[in-house]
Amino acid sequence: MSAERTLELIQRVVFDFGVKSIYFQDDNFCANVQRFEKIVHGIIKEKIEFSWGLLGARVNTLADISDTLMANTVKAGCMNIDVGVESGADRILELVSKDVNVSEVIKLNKRLSKYFDKTKYTFIMGVPSETEAELLQTVQLATRLCTDNSQVLPLFFIYCAYPGTQLHDLAVEYGFKVPQSLEEWSAINYETAYLHYPWLDNRRIRMMQNFEFSSMFASKNNEYKMRSHWHKMIARIYRPIAKARFEHNIYHLPVERLTARLLARVLV
């Protein structure tokens, strides 16, 4: 979609329908820097007043954006940006074709701290061949990013073997049995796929489940996702526990995770 068409749609929903905030569902909104710059300048020029956030941006793409454009992005109303870091191990970053290394991630994070109110970094655990040491390096990187930038929210997710990708082929090499029917595929989804990975033992699975859950609450910067006062209060009470579990790999007796799962079932 061209910059002009994007601006046209933004104007329509803001001016005609009174929309106050937009979250752009694009995995790499800044892939074409010239297009991105046109959108930012168009928002400023047309005085379109709304807040917005980006679902995704790559580290190497953001590194190519000038300080002027970065400042104008914030001026145009951008409040938060989601960046796919994926791993704190250089070998895994190369494996998943991120075209960056850990030191470049750290450098960009310090730069982003000057601009955005919220920066969300997402990480992927459990890719084929990842070691426990590399997983812990990822946690250490997430902790470092939070230390260097007080606006960071790190979130951890578990790898899902989507067919047609290079990582899926690697997963097959590591013993993943590809479903042969629609019924078998129904058991492989975003939330449960890792339970079918032969390269993950029970210890690693418990570790990943802990990091996935605790990362959502270990930082105060998750509160912007909560509308309810009660949710915020509970999150604040739980935060010290989540932070300790996350930073020190304490995955034993996950009472709160099991409780949350039970409540989700009851409420649904």
Protein backbone atom coordinates (compact mmCIF):
# COMPACT_ATOMS: atom_id res chain seq x y z
CA MET A 1 0.00 0.00 0.00
CA SER A 2 1.48 3.34 -1.03
CA ALA A 3 2.23 6.14 1.42
CA GLU A 4 -0.46 8.24 -0.22
CA ARG A 5 -3.10 5.51 0.17
CA THR A 6 -2.05 4.89 3.76
CA LEU A 7 -2.41 8.59 4.59
CA GLU A 8 -5.79 8.67 2.89
CA LEU A 9 -7.07 5.86 5.10
CA ILE A 10 -5.59 7.42 8.23
CA GLN A 11 -7.33 10.71 7.48
CA ARG A 12 -10.63 8.94 6.89
CA VAL A 13 -10.72 7.05 10.18
CA VAL A 14 -9.41 10.01 12.21
CA PHE A 15 -11.40 12.84 10.65
CA ASP A 16 -14.59 10.99 9.69
CA PHE A 17 -14.88 8.50 12.53
CA GLY A 18 -13.02 10.19 15.38
CA VAL A 19 -10.45 7.44 15.88
CA LYS A 20 -7.91 8.52 18.50
CA SER A 21 -5.35 5.73 18.25
CA ILE A 22 -4.15 3.31 15.57
CA TYR A 23 -2.01 0.20 15.94
CA PHE A 24 -0.46 -0.71 12.59
CA GLN A 25 -0.55 -4.49 12.12
CA ASP A 26 2.55 -4.71 9.93
CA ASP A 27 5.49 -6.97 10.76
CA ASN A 28 7.96 -4.47 9.30
CA PHE A 29 6.28 -1.10 8.85
CA CYS A 30 9.63 0.62 8.26
CA ALA A 31 10.94 -1.82 5.63
CA ASN A 32 10.76 0.89 2.96
CA VAL A 33 12.30 3.87 4.73
CA GLN A 34 11.28 6.34 2.01
CA ARG A 35 7.64 5.23 2.22
CA PHE A 36 7.78 5.39 6.01
CA GLU A 37 9.21 8.91 5.86
CA LYS A 38 6.42 10.04 3.52
CA ILE A 39 3.80 8.71 5.92
CA VAL A 40 5.39 10.43 8.91
CA HIS A 41 5.77 13.75 7.09
CA GLY A 42 2.23 13.47 5.73
CA ILE A 43 0.78 13.04 9.22
CA ILE A 44 2.64 16.15 10.39
CA LYS A 45 1.84 18.23 7.30
CA GLU A 46 -1.88 17.41 7.34
CA LYS A 47 -2.02 17.90 11.12
CA ILE A 48 -3.63 14.51 11.72
CA GLU A 49 -3.77 14.28 15.49
CA PHE A 50 -3.83 10.72 16.81
CA SER A 51 -1.53 8.40 18.71
CA TRP A 52 -0.16 5.30 17.03
CA GLY A 53 2.07 2.29 17.48
CA LEU A 54 3.84 -0.22 15.28
CA LEU A 55 3.42 -3.97 15.52
CA GLY A 56 6.83 -4.64 14.07
CA ALA A 57 10.19 -3.27 13.02
CA ARG A 58 13.54 -4.94 12.45
CA VAL A 59 16.63 -3.87 14.34
CA ASN A 60 18.66 -3.36 11.17
CA THR A 61 15.88 -1.28 9.59
CA LEU A 62 15.60 1.02 12.57
CA ALA A 63 19.37 1.41 12.64
CA ASP A 64 19.16 2.96 9.15
CA ILE A 65 16.61 5.57 10.21
CA SER A 66 18.09 9.01 10.80
CA ASP A 67 17.78 10.86 14.10
CA THR A 68 15.68 13.49 12.32
CA LEU A 69 13.17 10.92 11.07
CA MET A 70 13.14 9.23 14.46
CA ALA A 71 12.29 12.53 16.15
CA ASN A 72 9.64 13.31 13.53
CA THR A 73 8.09 9.88 14.07
CA VAL A 74 7.50 10.77 17.69
CA LYS A 75 6.30 14.26 16.69
CA ALA A 76 3.77 12.61 14.37
CA GLY A 77 2.24 10.78 17.35
CA CYS A 78 4.05 7.43 17.47
CA MET A 79 3.98 6.30 21.10
CA ASN A 80 5.31 2.76 20.99
CA ILE A 81 7.19 0.44 18.72
CA ASP A 82 7.56 -3.36 18.73
CA VAL A 83 10.95 -4.74 17.70
CA GLY A 84 11.65 -8.39 16.96
CA VAL A 85 14.97 -9.21 18.61
CA GLU A 86 14.34 -12.98 18.86
CA SER A 87 17.52 -14.06 20.69
CA GLY A 88 20.44 -12.98 22.83
CA ALA A 89 22.78 -15.46 21.15
CA ASP A 90 24.58 -14.39 17.98
CA ARG A 91 24.43 -17.93 16.57
CA ILE A 92 20.64 -18.00 16.82
CA LEU A 93 20.36 -14.51 15.33
CA GLU A 94 22.32 -15.75 12.34
CA LEU A 95 20.23 -18.91 12.15
CA VAL A 96 16.97 -16.93 11.93
CA SER A 97 18.44 -14.40 9.45
CA LYS A 98 18.09 -11.27 11.61
CA ASP A 99 21.17 -9.67 9.97
CA VAL A 100 22.28 -8.16 13.28
CA ASN A 101 24.30 -9.17 16.32
CA VAL A 102 23.74 -8.67 20.04
CA SER A 103 25.97 -5.60 20.28
CA GLU A 104 23.93 -3.88 17.56
CA VAL A 105 20.72 -4.62 19.48
CA ILE A 106 22.20 -3.05 22.61
CA LYS A 107 23.33 0.01 20.63
CA LEU A 108 19.91 0.53 19.03
CA ASN A 109 18.13 0.15 22.36
CA LYS A 110 20.13 3.00 23.89
CA ARG A 111 19.25 5.14 20.88
CA LEU A 112 15.52 4.33 21.04
CA SER A 113 15.48 5.30 24.73
CA LYS A 114 15.81 8.94 23.61
CA TYR A 115 12.57 8.84 21.63
CA PHE A 116 9.78 6.37 22.36
CA ASP A 117 7.57 6.19 25.45
CA LYS A 118 7.34 2.42 25.09
CA THR A 119 9.59 -0.01 23.27
CA LYS A 120 8.48 -3.63 23.22
CA TYR A 121 11.07 -6.27 22.35
CA THR A 122 9.87 -9.74 21.42
CA PHE A 123 11.93 -12.90 21.75
CA ILE A 124 11.48 -16.45 20.47
CA MET A 125 12.51 -19.48 22.51
CA GLY A 126 12.82 -23.13 21.58
CA VAL A 127 13.99 -22.94 17.97
CA PRO A 128 15.67 -26.15 16.77
CA SER A 129 19.28 -26.44 18.00
CA GLU A 130 18.95 -23.69 20.63
CA THR A 131 20.83 -24.67 23.79
CA GLU A 132 19.89 -23.92 27.38
CA ALA A 133 22.89 -21.60 27.60
CA GLU A 134 21.65 -19.66 24.55
CA LEU A 135 18.18 -19.38 26.05
CA LEU A 136 19.66 -17.92 29.23
CA GLN A 137 21.75 -15.51 27.12
CA THR A 138 18.46 -14.26 25.68
CA VAL A 139 17.09 -13.63 29.17
CA GLN A 140 20.31 -11.83 30.08
CA LEU A 141 19.99 -9.62 26.99
CA ALA A 142 16.37 -8.78 27.81
CA THR A 143 17.42 -7.82 31.34
CA ARG A 144 20.25 -5.67 29.94
CA LEU A 145 17.88 -3.88 27.58
CA CYS A 146 15.57 -3.05 30.50
CA THR A 147 18.52 -1.70 32.49
CA ASP A 148 19.70 0.51 29.64
CA ASN A 149 16.21 1.75 28.74
CA SER A 150 13.55 2.26 31.42
CA GLN A 151 10.79 2.21 28.79
CA VAL A 152 11.40 -1.38 27.63
CA LEU A 153 8.87 -4.20 27.81
CA PRO A 154 10.40 -7.58 26.88
CA LEU A 155 8.03 -10.37 25.90
CA PHE A 156 8.95 -14.01 25.33
CA PHE A 157 7.18 -16.43 23.00
CA ILE A 158 7.76 -20.05 22.05
CA TYR A 159 8.65 -21.05 18.51
CA CYS A 160 5.92 -22.52 16.30
CA ALA A 161 6.97 -24.75 13.37
CA TYR A 162 5.12 -23.17 10.47
CA PRO A 163 5.38 -25.20 7.24
CA GLY A 164 7.09 -23.67 4.24
CA THR A 165 9.82 -21.99 6.25
CA GLN A 166 13.51 -22.80 6.60
CA LEU A 167 13.14 -23.27 10.35
CA HIS A 168 10.37 -25.79 9.73
CA ASP A 169 12.78 -27.82 7.59
CA LEU A 170 15.33 -27.62 10.39
CA ALA A 171 12.68 -28.73 12.88
CA VAL A 172 12.06 -31.81 10.74
CA GLU A 173 15.80 -32.54 10.81
CA TYR A 174 15.61 -32.38 14.62
CA GLY A 175 12.80 -34.93 14.72
CA PHE A 176 9.60 -32.92 14.34
CA LYS A 177 6.93 -35.17 12.84
CA VAL A 178 4.94 -33.26 10.26
CA PRO A 179 1.17 -33.83 10.68
CA GLN A 180 -0.31 -35.85 7.83
CA SER A 181 -3.96 -34.89 8.20
CA LEU A 182 -6.13 -31.93 9.06
CA GLU A 183 -7.01 -33.59 12.36
CA GLU A 184 -3.33 -33.93 13.26
CA TRP A 185 -2.68 -30.30 12.31
CA SER A 186 -5.40 -29.21 14.75
CA ALA A 187 -3.07 -30.22 17.59
CA ILE A 188 -0.27 -27.99 16.26
CA ASN A 189 -0.96 -24.35 17.03
CA TYR A 190 0.79 -21.23 18.21
CA GLU A 191 0.30 -22.04 21.89
CA THR A 192 0.95 -25.80 22.02
CA ALA A 193 3.28 -26.66 19.13
CA TYR A 194 6.36 -26.81 21.38
CA LEU A 195 4.90 -29.77 23.27
CA HIS A 196 5.55 -31.82 20.10
CA TYR A 197 9.22 -30.89 19.70
CA PRO A 198 11.55 -33.83 20.41
CA TRP A 199 14.52 -31.51 20.99
CA LEU A 200 12.85 -30.05 24.09
CA ASP A 201 12.90 -32.00 27.35
CA ASN A 202 10.58 -31.35 30.28
CA ARG A 203 13.10 -29.12 32.04
CA ARG A 204 13.45 -26.82 29.03
CA ILE A 205 9.69 -26.71 28.53
CA ARG A 206 9.16 -25.63 32.14
CA MET A 207 11.83 -22.97 31.74
CA MET A 208 10.23 -21.60 28.60
CA GLN A 209 6.76 -21.60 30.11
CA ASN A 210 8.15 -19.65 33.05
CA PHE A 211 9.87 -17.07 30.85
CA GLU A 212 6.82 -16.69 28.65
CA PHE A 213 4.49 -16.01 31.57
CA SER A 214 6.79 -14.02 33.86
CA SER A 215 8.02 -11.75 31.06
CA MET A 216 4.50 -10.34 30.74
CA PHE A 217 4.56 -9.08 34.33
CA ALA A 218 8.23 -8.53 35.20
CA SER A 219 8.20 -4.93 33.92
CA LYS A 220 6.03 -1.99 34.98
CA ASN A 221 5.76 -1.10 31.31
CA ASN A 222 3.06 -3.71 30.71
CA GLU A 223 0.42 -1.57 32.40
CA TYR A 224 -0.45 0.34 29.24
CA LYS A 225 -2.01 -2.90 28.01
CA MET A 226 -4.40 -3.04 30.98
CA ARG A 227 -7.61 -1.02 31.17
CA SER A 228 -8.87 -2.41 34.47
CA HIS A 229 -7.71 -0.87 37.74
CA TRP A 230 -7.91 -4.31 39.35
CA HIS A 231 -5.70 -5.88 36.69
CA LYS A 232 -3.08 -3.20 37.26
CA MET A 233 -3.22 -3.69 41.02
CA ILE A 234 -2.79 -7.46 40.76
CA ALA A 235 0.06 -7.01 38.26
CA ARG A 236 1.85 -4.62 40.63
CA ILE A 237 1.55 -7.07 43.52
CA TYR A 238 2.85 -9.94 41.40
CA ARG A 239 5.63 -7.96 39.68
CA PRO A 240 8.45 -8.61 42.22
CA ILE A 241 7.76 -12.36 42.01
CA ALA A 242 7.61 -12.29 38.21
CA LYS A 243 10.83 -10.27 38.02
CA ALA A 244 12.64 -12.75 40.30
CA ARG A 245 11.35 -15.75 38.34
CA PHE A 246 12.33 -14.17 35.04
CA GLU A 247 15.80 -12.91 35.91
CA HIS A 248 16.87 -15.91 38.01
CA ASN A 249 15.22 -18.76 36.08
CA ILE A 250 12.99 -19.84 38.96
CA TYR A 251 10.53 -22.11 37.24
CA HIS A 252 9.58 -24.44 40.12
CA LEU A 253 6.06 -24.47 41.59
CA PRO A 254 4.42 -22.16 39.03
CA VAL A 255 1.33 -21.63 41.20
CA GLU A 256 0.43 -18.27 39.66
CA ARG A 257 0.62 -19.57 36.09
CA LEU A 258 -1.63 -22.51 36.91
CA THR A 259 -4.02 -20.21 38.76
CA ALA A 260 -4.20 -17.84 35.79
CA ARG A 261 -4.95 -20.76 33.47
CA LEU A 262 -7.74 -21.96 35.77
CA LEU A 263 -9.27 -18.50 36.00
CA ALA A 264 -9.14 -18.11 32.23
CA ARG A 265 -11.10 -21.34 31.81
CA VAL A 266 -13.68 -20.35 34.42
CA LEU A 267 -14.17 -16.83 33.04
CA VAL A 268 -14.48 -18.04 29.46
